């Protein structure tokens, strides 16, 4: 009868094996804990820098500074900005002897803008609670050119009641469209004659685009363009309709 021996069994030494070791804390941390933390941070950034600002931008007429300075806010044009090319120190006097009202109102029916507040002779080059009427430019209804400026962001965020987005669709206006200004209780209607895209250095807020000898009343609406960027300025020019 042959001599029987028990088969030999080989046991693998898993003491240094990062996969088969019963508990390898270093491997567990890298594969589970660290990846979970990175995912949580990613969701936090997405929520606070994109999703929440998106909700505020689409639903609120006033947007907080924190939301404006988020990643989405900076990317879409909500960040702080001044029209630095408008030098408020060099101005010409308005040709009106009566007391000048502090505000007047602008309406652009095609864009859904109704009675937007415009600060007369504004020294604020970053208006957040109104549009700005350039200091020293002609007053509405008077000979010369009334120069009105305002902010714009990506058109998708346009809100006609939010002065950070109010001119975001200004480029939709075409020759022949109209806008109106309510000044001293009188409704003044302007018909658009031209549009112009300029570099900031070429903007002249006190310049007339109609010959002065015609003694006409005109108005220019200006914002950054393309909307949401700061590279150019869009100027929409209108003439008072008799």
C-alpha atoms as a PDB file:
ATOM      1  CA  UNK A   1       0.000   0.000   0.000  1.00  0.00           C
ATOM      2  CA  UNK A   2       1.545   3.329  -1.069  1.00  0.00           C
ATOM      3  CA  UNK A   3       2.552   5.739   1.616  1.00  0.00           C
ATOM      4  CA  UNK A   4       0.052   8.595   1.755  1.00  0.00           C
ATOM      5  CA  UNK A   5       1.059  12.069   2.810  1.00  0.00           C
ATOM      6  CA  UNK A   6      -1.110  15.078   3.341  1.00  0.00           C
ATOM      7  CA  UNK A   7      -0.941  17.519   0.414  1.00  0.00           C
ATOM      8  CA  UNK A   8       1.013  20.600   1.084  1.00  0.00           C
ATOM      9  CA  UNK A   9      -0.878  23.888   1.286  1.00  0.00           C
ATOM     10  CA  UNK A  10       0.673  27.179   0.417  1.00  0.00           C
ATOM     11  CA  UNK A  11      -0.509  30.295   2.198  1.00  0.00           C
ATOM     12  CA  UNK A  12       0.133  33.669   0.631  1.00  0.00           C
ATOM     13  CA  UNK A  13       1.764  36.241   2.832  1.00  0.00           C
ATOM     14  CA  UNK A  14      -0.555  39.256   2.594  1.00  0.00           C
ATOM     15  CA  UNK A  15       1.106  41.306   5.288  1.00  0.00           C
ATOM     16  CA  UNK A  16       2.497  43.780   2.734  1.00  0.00           C
ATOM     17  CA  UNK A  17      -0.198  43.448   0.061  1.00  0.00           C
ATOM     18  CA  UNK A  18      -2.258  46.680  -0.172  1.00  0.00           C
ATOM     19  CA  UNK A  19      -5.208  44.787  -1.706  1.00  0.00           C
ATOM     20  CA  UNK A  20      -5.451  41.571   0.285  1.00  0.00           C
ATOM     21  CA  UNK A  21      -4.310  42.913   3.600  1.00  0.00           C
ATOM     22  CA  UNK A  22      -7.271  42.775   5.995  1.00  0.00           C
ATOM     23  CA  UNK A  23      -7.018  46.475   6.908  1.00  0.00           C
ATOM     24  CA  UNK A  24      -4.706  48.759   4.969  1.00  0.00           C
ATOM     25  CA  UNK A  25      -5.476  52.209   6.332  1.00  0.00           C
ATOM     26  CA  UNK A  26      -3.309  54.106   3.866  1.00  0.00           C
ATOM     27  CA  UNK A  27      -5.014  52.492   0.871  1.00  0.00           C
ATOM     28  CA  UNK A  28      -8.471  52.886   2.474  1.00  0.00           C
ATOM     29  CA  UNK A  29      -7.872  56.606   3.092  1.00  0.00           C
ATOM     30  CA  UNK A  30      -6.776  57.283  -0.478  1.00  0.00           C
ATOM     31  CA  UNK A  31      -9.530  55.246  -2.108  1.00  0.00           C
ATOM     32  CA  UNK A  32     -12.473  56.150   0.096  1.00  0.00           C
ATOM     33  CA  UNK A  33     -11.976  59.023   2.514  1.00  0.00           C
ATOM     34  CA  UNK A  34      -9.888  61.302   0.312  1.00  0.00           C
ATOM     35  CA  UNK A  35     -12.076  60.815  -2.759  1.00  0.00           C
ATOM     36  CA  UNK A  36     -15.179  61.446  -0.646  1.00  0.00           C
ATOM     37  CA  UNK A  37     -13.718  64.668   0.726  1.00  0.00           C
ATOM     38  CA  UNK A  38     -12.797  65.876  -2.750  1.00  0.00           C
ATOM     39  CA  UNK A  39     -16.294  65.121  -3.995  1.00  0.00           C
ATOM     40  CA  UNK A  40     -17.841  66.982  -1.054  1.00  0.00           C
ATOM     41  CA  UNK A  41     -15.638  70.014  -1.715  1.00  0.00           C
ATOM     42  CA  UNK A  42     -16.614  69.903  -5.384  1.00  0.00           C
ATOM     43  CA  UNK A  43     -20.329  69.917  -4.533  1.00  0.00           C
ATOM     44  CA  UNK A  44     -19.754  72.764  -2.055  1.00  0.00           C
ATOM     45  CA  UNK A  45     -17.993  74.883  -4.657  1.00  0.00           C
ATOM     46  CA  UNK A  46     -20.640  74.081  -7.273  1.00  0.00           C
ATOM     47  CA  UNK A  47     -23.426  75.031  -4.883  1.00  0.00           C
ATOM     48  CA  UNK A  48     -21.959  78.243  -3.502  1.00  0.00           C
ATOM     49  CA  UNK A  49     -20.210  79.502  -6.636  1.00  0.00           C
ATOM     50  CA  UNK A  50     -22.637  78.450  -9.372  1.00  0.00           C
ATOM     51  CA  UNK A  51     -26.049  77.117  -8.317  1.00  0.00           C
ATOM     52  CA  UNK A  52     -26.961  79.601  -5.561  1.00  0.00           C
ATOM     53  CA  UNK A  53     -25.702  82.649  -7.514  1.00  0.00           C
ATOM     54  CA  UNK A  54     -27.642  81.393 -10.539  1.00  0.00           C
ATOM     55  CA  UNK A  55     -30.852  81.338  -8.482  1.00  0.00           C
ATOM     56  CA  UNK A  56     -30.179  84.859  -7.162  1.00  0.00           C
ATOM     57  CA  UNK A  57     -29.336  86.255 -10.601  1.00  0.00           C
ATOM     58  CA  UNK A  58     -32.510  84.872 -12.165  1.00  0.00           C
ATOM     59  CA  UNK A  59     -34.961  85.733  -9.382  1.00  0.00           C
ATOM     60  CA  UNK A  60     -33.720  88.822  -7.512  1.00  0.00           C
ATOM     61  CA  UNK A  61     -33.859  92.474  -8.545  1.00  0.00           C
ATOM     62  CA  UNK A  62     -30.976  93.214  -6.168  1.00  0.00           C
ATOM     63  CA  UNK A  63     -27.970  90.874  -6.058  1.00  0.00           C
ATOM     64  CA  UNK A  64     -25.682  90.685  -3.036  1.00  0.00           C
ATOM     65  CA  UNK A  65     -21.996  91.534  -3.323  1.00  0.00           C
ATOM     66  CA  UNK A  66     -21.101  87.977  -2.285  1.00  0.00           C
ATOM     67  CA  UNK A  67     -23.104  86.538  -5.187  1.00  0.00           C
ATOM     68  CA  UNK A  68     -21.645  89.081  -7.614  1.00  0.00           C
ATOM     69  CA  UNK A  69     -18.115  88.070  -6.624  1.00  0.00           C
ATOM     70  CA  UNK A  70     -18.757  84.345  -7.058  1.00  0.00           C
ATOM     71  CA  UNK A  71     -17.160  82.417  -9.920  1.00  0.00           C
ATOM     72  CA  UNK A  72     -20.399  82.654 -11.920  1.00  0.00           C
ATOM     73  CA  UNK A  73     -20.783  86.349 -11.143  1.00  0.00           C
ATOM     74  CA  UNK A  74     -17.299  87.242 -12.342  1.00  0.00           C
ATOM     75  CA  UNK A  75     -17.659  85.086 -15.461  1.00  0.00           C
ATOM     76  CA  UNK A  76     -20.984  86.629 -16.500  1.00  0.00           C
ATOM     77  CA  UNK A  77     -20.230  90.302 -15.839  1.00  0.00           C
ATOM     78  CA  UNK A  78     -21.757  90.865 -12.372  1.00  0.00           C
ATOM     79  CA  UNK A  79     -18.426  91.865 -10.828  1.00  0.00           C
ATOM     80  CA  UNK A  80     -17.746  95.444  -9.764  1.00  0.00           C
ATOM     81  CA  UNK A  81     -17.010  97.748 -12.670  1.00  0.00           C
ATOM     82  CA  UNK A  82     -16.749 101.485 -13.338  1.00  0.00           C
ATOM     83  CA  UNK A  83     -16.972 103.359 -16.631  1.00  0.00           C
ATOM     84  CA  UNK A  84     -13.498 104.757 -16.068  1.00  0.00           C
ATOM     85  CA  UNK A  85     -13.426 106.397 -19.509  1.00  0.00           C
ATOM     86  CA  UNK A  86     -16.139 108.849 -18.402  1.00  0.00           C
ATOM     87  CA  UNK A  87     -14.229 111.691 -16.753  1.00  0.00           C
ATOM     88  CA  UNK A  88     -16.716 113.417 -14.460  1.00  0.00           C
ATOM     89  CA  UNK A  89     -14.244 116.186 -13.652  1.00  0.00           C
ATOM     90  CA  UNK A  90     -14.373 117.732 -17.128  1.00  0.00           C
ATOM     91  CA  UNK A  91     -17.965 118.693 -17.762  1.00  0.00           C
ATOM     92  CA  UNK A  92     -19.915 121.387 -19.556  1.00  0.00           C
ATOM     93  CA  UNK A  93     -22.777 123.183 -17.792  1.00  0.00           C
ATOM     94  CA  UNK A  94     -26.356 122.156 -18.486  1.00  0.00           C
ATOM     95  CA  UNK A  95     -28.298 124.817 -20.317  1.00  0.00           C
ATOM     96  CA  UNK A  96     -31.122 125.186 -17.806  1.00  0.00           C
ATOM     97  CA  UNK A  97     -31.609 127.865 -15.180  1.00  0.00           C
ATOM     98  CA  UNK A  98     -34.455 126.246 -13.250  1.00  0.00           C
ATOM     99  CA  UNK A  99     -33.792 123.705 -10.519  1.00  0.00           C
ATOM    100  CA  UNK A 100     -32.747 120.408 -12.097  1.00  0.00           C
ATOM    101  CA  UNK A 101     -34.617 117.321 -10.797  1.00  0.00           C
ATOM    102  CA  UNK A 102     -32.456 114.686  -9.142  1.00  0.00           C
ATOM    103  CA  UNK A 103     -33.969 111.859 -11.238  1.00  0.00           C
ATOM    104  CA  UNK A 104     -35.917 111.250 -14.419  1.00  0.00           C
ATOM    105  CA  UNK A 105     -37.262 108.055 -16.031  1.00  0.00           C
ATOM    106  CA  UNK A 106     -36.400 105.972 -19.095  1.00  0.00           C
ATOM    107  CA  UNK A 107     -38.698 103.451 -20.819  1.00  0.00           C
ATOM    108  CA  UNK A 108     -37.783 101.110 -23.698  1.00  0.00           C
ATOM    109  CA  UNK A 109     -40.934  99.127 -24.600  1.00  0.00           C
ATOM    110  CA  UNK A 110     -39.130  96.683 -26.924  1.00  0.00           C
ATOM    111  CA  UNK A 111     -36.842  95.594 -24.068  1.00  0.00           C
ATOM    112  CA  UNK A 112     -39.493  95.545 -21.339  1.00  0.00           C
ATOM    113  CA  UNK A 113     -37.884  98.472 -19.505  1.00  0.00           C
ATOM    114  CA  UNK A 114     -40.462 100.757 -17.920  1.00  0.00           C
ATOM    115  CA  UNK A 115     -39.756 103.904 -15.893  1.00  0.00           C
ATOM    116  CA  UNK A 116     -36.163 102.992 -15.090  1.00  0.00           C
ATOM    117  CA  UNK A 117     -34.642 105.517 -12.713  1.00  0.00           C
ATOM    118  CA  UNK A 118     -31.943 107.784 -14.169  1.00  0.00           C
ATOM    119  CA  UNK A 119     -29.835 109.960 -11.863  1.00  0.00           C
ATOM    120  CA  UNK A 120     -29.421 113.448 -13.353  1.00  0.00           C
ATOM    121  CA  UNK A 121     -25.839 114.729 -13.653  1.00  0.00           C
ATOM    122  CA  UNK A 122     -24.592 111.596 -11.940  1.00  0.00           C
ATOM    123  CA  UNK A 123     -21.055 111.438 -10.567  1.00  0.00           C
ATOM    124  CA  UNK A 124     -21.399 107.688  -9.973  1.00  0.00           C
ATOM    125  CA  UNK A 125     -19.604 105.713 -12.687  1.00  0.00           C
ATOM    126  CA  UNK A 126     -20.793 102.371 -11.309  1.00  0.00           C
ATOM    127  CA  UNK A 127     -24.554 102.909 -10.825  1.00  0.00           C
ATOM    128  CA  UNK A 128     -26.267 100.066  -8.970  1.00  0.00           C
ATOM    129  CA  UNK A 129     -29.599 101.648  -8.045  1.00  0.00           C
ATOM    130  CA  UNK A 130     -30.253 103.671 -11.178  1.00  0.00           C
ATOM    131  CA  UNK A 131     -28.921 104.490 -14.615  1.00  0.00           C
ATOM    132  CA  UNK A 132     -26.519 107.405 -14.894  1.00  0.00           C
ATOM    133  CA  UNK A 133     -27.021 110.627 -16.834  1.00  0.00           C
ATOM    134  CA  UNK A 134     -23.543 111.921 -17.580  1.00  0.00           C
ATOM    135  CA  UNK A 135     -22.727 115.025 -15.600  1.00  0.00           C
ATOM    136  CA  UNK A 136     -22.956 118.090 -17.844  1.00  0.00           C
ATOM    137  CA  UNK A 137     -24.488 116.430 -20.899  1.00  0.00           C
ATOM    138  CA  UNK A 138     -27.701 117.929 -22.277  1.00  0.00           C
ATOM    139  CA  UNK A 139     -30.884 117.551 -20.292  1.00  0.00           C
ATOM    140  CA  UNK A 140     -33.785 115.614 -21.869  1.00  0.00           C
ATOM    141  CA  UNK A 141     -35.807 117.670 -24.311  1.00  0.00           C
ATOM    142  CA  UNK A 142     -33.138 120.387 -24.531  1.00  0.00           C
ATOM    143  CA  UNK A 143     -30.834 121.060 -27.510  1.00  0.00           C
ATOM    144  CA  UNK A 144     -27.809 118.798 -27.467  1.00  0.00           C
ATOM    145  CA  UNK A 145     -27.200 115.184 -26.481  1.00  0.00           C
ATOM    146  CA  UNK A 146     -28.336 113.572 -23.205  1.00  0.00           C
ATOM    147  CA  UNK A 147     -25.855 110.801 -22.415  1.00  0.00           C
ATOM    148  CA  UNK A 148     -27.218 107.872 -20.354  1.00  0.00           C
ATOM    149  CA  UNK A 149     -25.110 104.878 -19.280  1.00  0.00           C
ATOM    150  CA  UNK A 150     -25.799 101.580 -17.494  1.00  0.00           C
ATOM    151  CA  UNK A 151     -24.508  98.092 -16.815  1.00  0.00           C
ATOM    152  CA  UNK A 152     -24.918  94.872 -18.791  1.00  0.00           C
ATOM    153  CA  UNK A 153     -24.230  91.175 -18.140  1.00  0.00           C
ATOM    154  CA  UNK A 154     -24.784  88.046 -20.212  1.00  0.00           C
ATOM    155  CA  UNK A 155     -28.234  88.535 -21.837  1.00  0.00           C
ATOM    156  CA  UNK A 156     -29.528  85.264 -20.309  1.00  0.00           C
ATOM    157  CA  UNK A 157     -29.535  87.047 -16.925  1.00  0.00           C
ATOM    158  CA  UNK A 158     -31.340  90.162 -18.191  1.00  0.00           C
ATOM    159  CA  UNK A 159     -33.776  91.622 -15.679  1.00  0.00           C
ATOM    160  CA  UNK A 160     -35.280  95.032 -16.570  1.00  0.00           C
ATOM    161  CA  UNK A 161     -35.654  95.867 -12.858  1.00  0.00           C
ATOM    162  CA  UNK A 162     -32.052  95.047 -11.933  1.00  0.00           C
ATOM    163  CA  UNK A 163     -29.699  97.946 -12.666  1.00  0.00           C
ATOM    164  CA  UNK A 164     -26.755  95.540 -12.964  1.00  0.00           C
ATOM    165  CA  UNK A 165     -28.441  93.841 -15.938  1.00  0.00           C
ATOM    166  CA  UNK A 166     -30.742  96.535 -17.317  1.00  0.00           C
ATOM    167  CA  UNK A 167     -28.853  97.225 -20.575  1.00  0.00           C
ATOM    168  CA  UNK A 168     -27.952  93.572 -21.309  1.00  0.00           C
ATOM    169  CA  UNK A 169     -30.226  93.457 -24.387  1.00  0.00           C
ATOM    170  CA  UNK A 170     -29.558  96.981 -25.638  1.00  0.00           C
ATOM    171  CA  UNK A 171     -28.112  95.502 -28.825  1.00  0.00           C
ATOM    172  CA  UNK A 172     -31.577  94.208 -29.775  1.00  0.00           C
ATOM    173  CA  UNK A 173     -32.667  97.755 -30.585  1.00  0.00           C
ATOM    174  CA  UNK A 174     -32.683  98.649 -34.265  1.00  0.00           C
ATOM    175  CA  UNK A 175     -32.961 101.822 -36.318  1.00  0.00           C
ATOM    176  CA  UNK A 176     -36.567 103.005 -36.162  1.00  0.00           C
ATOM    177  CA  UNK A 177     -37.263 101.610 -32.679  1.00  0.00           C
ATOM    178  CA  UNK A 178     -38.257 104.095 -30.000  1.00  0.00           C
ATOM    179  CA  UNK A 179     -37.630 104.812 -26.345  1.00  0.00           C
ATOM    180  CA  UNK A 180     -39.065 107.514 -24.110  1.00  0.00           C
ATOM    181  CA  UNK A 181     -37.866 109.749 -21.299  1.00  0.00           C
ATOM    182  CA  UNK A 182     -40.168 111.183 -18.660  1.00  0.00           C
ATOM    183  CA  UNK A 183     -38.693 114.500 -17.550  1.00  0.00           C
ATOM    184  CA  UNK A 184     -40.485 117.071 -15.383  1.00  0.00           C
ATOM    185  CA  UNK A 185     -43.734 115.203 -15.928  1.00  0.00           C
ATOM    186  CA  UNK A 186     -43.451 115.415 -19.719  1.00  0.00           C
ATOM    187  CA  UNK A 187     -43.163 112.326 -21.947  1.00  0.00           C
ATOM    188  CA  UNK A 188     -40.427 112.696 -24.570  1.00  0.00           C
ATOM    189  CA  UNK A 189     -40.206 110.100 -27.362  1.00  0.00           C
ATOM    190  CA  UNK A 190     -36.942 109.390 -29.151  1.00  0.00           C
ATOM    191  CA  UNK A 191     -36.530 107.495 -32.401  1.00  0.00           C
ATOM    192  CA  UNK A 192     -33.316 105.510 -32.871  1.00  0.00           C
ATOM    193  CA  UNK A 193     -31.223 106.712 -35.793  1.00  0.00           C
ATOM    194  CA  UNK A 194     -27.981 104.787 -35.347  1.00  0.00           C
ATOM    195  CA  UNK A 195     -25.890 102.336 -33.321  1.00  0.00           C
ATOM    196  CA  UNK A 196     -22.154 102.466 -32.858  1.00  0.00           C
ATOM    197  CA  UNK A 197     -19.526 100.194 -31.305  1.00  0.00           C
ATOM    198  CA  UNK A 198     -16.478 102.006 -29.926  1.00  0.00           C
ATOM    199  CA  UNK A 199     -13.419 101.307 -27.836  1.00  0.00           C
ATOM    200  CA  UNK A 200     -13.698 102.970 -24.390  1.00  0.00           C
ATOM    201  CA  UNK A 201     -11.009 105.543 -25.255  1.00  0.00           C
ATOM    202  CA  UNK A 202     -13.079 106.832 -28.178  1.00  0.00           C
ATOM    203  CA  UNK A 203     -16.240 107.535 -26.199  1.00  0.00           C
ATOM    204  CA  UNK A 204     -17.040 111.253 -25.893  1.00  0.00           C
ATOM    205  CA  UNK A 205     -20.003 111.689 -23.513  1.00  0.00           C
ATOM    206  CA  UNK A 206     -20.197 115.438 -24.175  1.00  0.00           C
ATOM    207  CA  UNK A 207     -20.018 115.164 -27.943  1.00  0.00           C
ATOM    208  CA  UNK A 208     -23.017 115.740 -30.214  1.00  0.00           C
ATOM    209  CA  UNK A 209     -23.811 113.291 -32.992  1.00  0.00           C
ATOM    210  CA  UNK A 210     -26.045 115.809 -34.774  1.00  0.00           C
ATOM    211  CA  UNK A 211     -24.747 119.200 -35.960  1.00  0.00           C
ATOM    212  CA  UNK A 212     -25.260 121.787 -33.231  1.00  0.00           C
ATOM    213  CA  UNK A 213     -26.724 124.339 -35.655  1.00  0.00           C
ATOM    214  CA  UNK A 214     -29.760 122.044 -36.105  1.00  0.00           C
ATOM    215  CA  UNK A 215     -30.605 122.709 -32.442  1.00  0.00           C
ATOM    216  CA  UNK A 216     -32.002 119.167 -32.059  1.00  0.00           C
ATOM    217  CA  UNK A 217     -32.560 117.209 -28.865  1.00  0.00           C
ATOM    218  CA  UNK A 218     -30.901 113.781 -28.917  1.00  0.00           C
ATOM    219  CA  UNK A 219     -30.123 111.012 -26.436  1.00  0.00           C
ATOM    220  CA  UNK A 220     -27.420 108.340 -26.349  1.00  0.00           C
ATOM    221  CA  UNK A 221     -27.729 105.065 -24.395  1.00  0.00           C
ATOM    222  CA  UNK A 222     -24.398 103.377 -23.622  1.00  0.00           C
ATOM    223  CA  UNK A 223     -23.278 100.096 -22.076  1.00  0.00           C
ATOM    224  CA  UNK A 224     -20.418  97.586 -22.232  1.00  0.00           C
ATOM    225  CA  UNK A 225     -20.419  95.259 -25.229  1.00  0.00           C
ATOM    226  CA  UNK A 226     -20.562  92.383 -25.919  1.00  0.00           C
ATOM    227  CA  UNK A 227     -22.838  92.153 -22.898  1.00  0.00           C
ATOM    228  CA  UNK A 228     -20.976  90.593 -19.986  1.00  0.00           C
ATOM    229  CA  UNK A 229     -17.576  91.812 -21.200  1.00  0.00           C
ATOM    230  CA  UNK A 230     -15.754  95.130 -20.863  1.00  0.00           C
ATOM    231  CA  UNK A 231     -13.863  95.382 -24.148  1.00  0.00           C
ATOM    232  CA  UNK A 232     -16.144  97.715 -26.167  1.00  0.00           C
ATOM    233  CA  UNK A 233     -18.954 100.215 -25.675  1.00  0.00           C
ATOM    234  CA  UNK A 234     -22.273 100.056 -27.495  1.00  0.00           C
ATOM    235  CA  UNK A 235     -23.900 103.432 -28.142  1.00  0.00           C
ATOM    236  CA  UNK A 236     -27.539 103.615 -29.262  1.00  0.00           C
ATOM    237  CA  UNK A 237     -28.479 107.085 -30.493  1.00  0.00           C
ATOM    238  CA  UNK A 238     -31.961 108.539 -30.733  1.00  0.00           C
ATOM    239  CA  UNK A 239     -33.506 111.838 -31.857  1.00  0.00           C
ATOM    240  CA  UNK A 240     -36.487 113.515 -30.207  1.00  0.00           C
ATOM    241  CA  UNK A 241     -39.665 113.063 -32.211  1.00  0.00           C
ATOM    242  CA  UNK A 242     -41.641 116.282 -32.648  1.00  0.00           C
END
